[in-house]
């Protein structure tokens, strides 16, 4: 982690435009060719509550947010009180004395009083104070104001010329006020990088959505549920452009059944939800399992049980999705760790679902879905759509005895879609024979269970499991899954500065589990640590179940907030 990274935060109440202001600041530095990671935190309130948006900027690749900040815009006293202790030495707080007067002082930071409300009213609208604060922040960082002005023009291009002019005036006014009234010795400056910027700034929500479109998505159904709702909004905005049908259903039960129906008919379809919504989808998941209908579901986890904490983050649904629905049937569970993996793994999910006629569950969480990261442009040239054993009309011409659930070496049977001549079969939620007719014959039952189970061995051969990151002969081996990836990678940088070598084994495909690979790494490791955002170390219990080996050092966090790199670093040092 770069010691001089610019780490900016704006804080205030819901309804004050905190999210919009944060995104503008992030895009401003991103457009300067810099690396950016942005993370938002807010309670489940439409108005009020404490909301923040943090943007971390560096000339080097960044993988996560930080526990500390060095430039704070405090739009109210609560933000000042909660975060003055988070400022690094040499940090700056921008505030308006009309909102509050600071009553806690630190000798090692600078307080800048900027009359945000007065300037906003003078320009013509009190809601402009966020734009003024961003301009003031850019002045403190001594960054190119013209980049911010261009971002403002781009963001408000669909608005009237007056709106663009007012916001441009606002950022310039905030910038000029700081430059004219203060001489700030701010040591966390970052300069624009010249040359072509081949990066994109994207969130997990956007990455999942774009990846699904590239994978051939044509139908999406969901009921709004934080933090997955952003996928519904994004895909709805692209409905006409990409010829997609997007349906906001009456509930999650309807959503998943619509998706099963669409996939049964040969259309690539998907649903996304959170743990509570996934609970409602469980019965239909079993229907897809016994009828061998491909299915893709994204579960954007949040703390439970029940409503839990709707806008917070957690990794507590792993055991649930592995065993969801009654009976035994194969399913694939994928846990991407960053926005790049969100893009590529959603495409793999569709290919696996159709090729093996199984259900694929992607486990994300609020932190991964809502955070934004600058990454290299995605490679779309290598994207292939694999439909599996879908029989063509021509192939069916000479078929007289179509067996939809025919026993095969791989467990996968040739599949038809409705309306195909000679491809008619019965689809039921009951156990059935090779034609789909209900059967309770004991030999048939045993064979059908084995048939479906065979698929996992075939899938395992196709999956490209991740290799170990870092030196093989490291002082400590870190295991993790999902969104802990970024904080772990950043913590490894901090450990390296202290002369401690670490390597990292991310478990991307949790089912089927990479038993042999994980077992080998565990046997070679000097010390092992597992990082999880849950209370019961769910991945660790799966590792023990699969390999017979325990990971004694568990770093667990379940307060609804993601790990910070600094916390991971400190906890690992305690282990060492």
Foldseek 3Di string as FASTA:
>chain_A
DDPLKAKEKEKDKAPLCQVVLLVLLQQLQVVLLWWKKKFKDFFPDNIGGMIMIMMITDNDHAQDHFQAHQEYEYAAVVSVVVHVVRHDFLGEYEYAVVRHDDPDDDPRYYYHHDNLQVVLVVLPHSSLSSLLVSLLVCLLLVEDLVSSLVSLCVVCVVPDPSSSVSSSVNSPNSNVVCVVPHDRPRRSHDYRDDDDRQKDKDALLVLLLVLLLLLQAAEEEEADAPPNNSNLVVCVVCCVVSVHHRYDDPALCVRQVVCLQCQLQVHHYAYEYEPVRVLSNLAVLLLLFQLLGQYEYEYAYFDDDPCGGRQFKFDPCPVVVCCGHDDDFDEWEFFDAASLCSNVVSSVSQQLCQQLSHYYYYYAYNRRRRMITMDRDDDSPPRDHHRHQEDDLVNQPPQQDDFCQDQDPQLHGRGYHPPRPNRDAARDSANAARRRHHDPPPVRVVSNRVSRVSNQVVVVVVDDADDKAFDLAFQEEEEEEHNCVSLQVLLQVVCVVVVGGYIYHYFGIPVVGPLVRVLVSVVSHPAYEYEGADDPPVSQVSNCVRHVDGRPHYDYHHPRHDDHSVVVNVSVVVVD
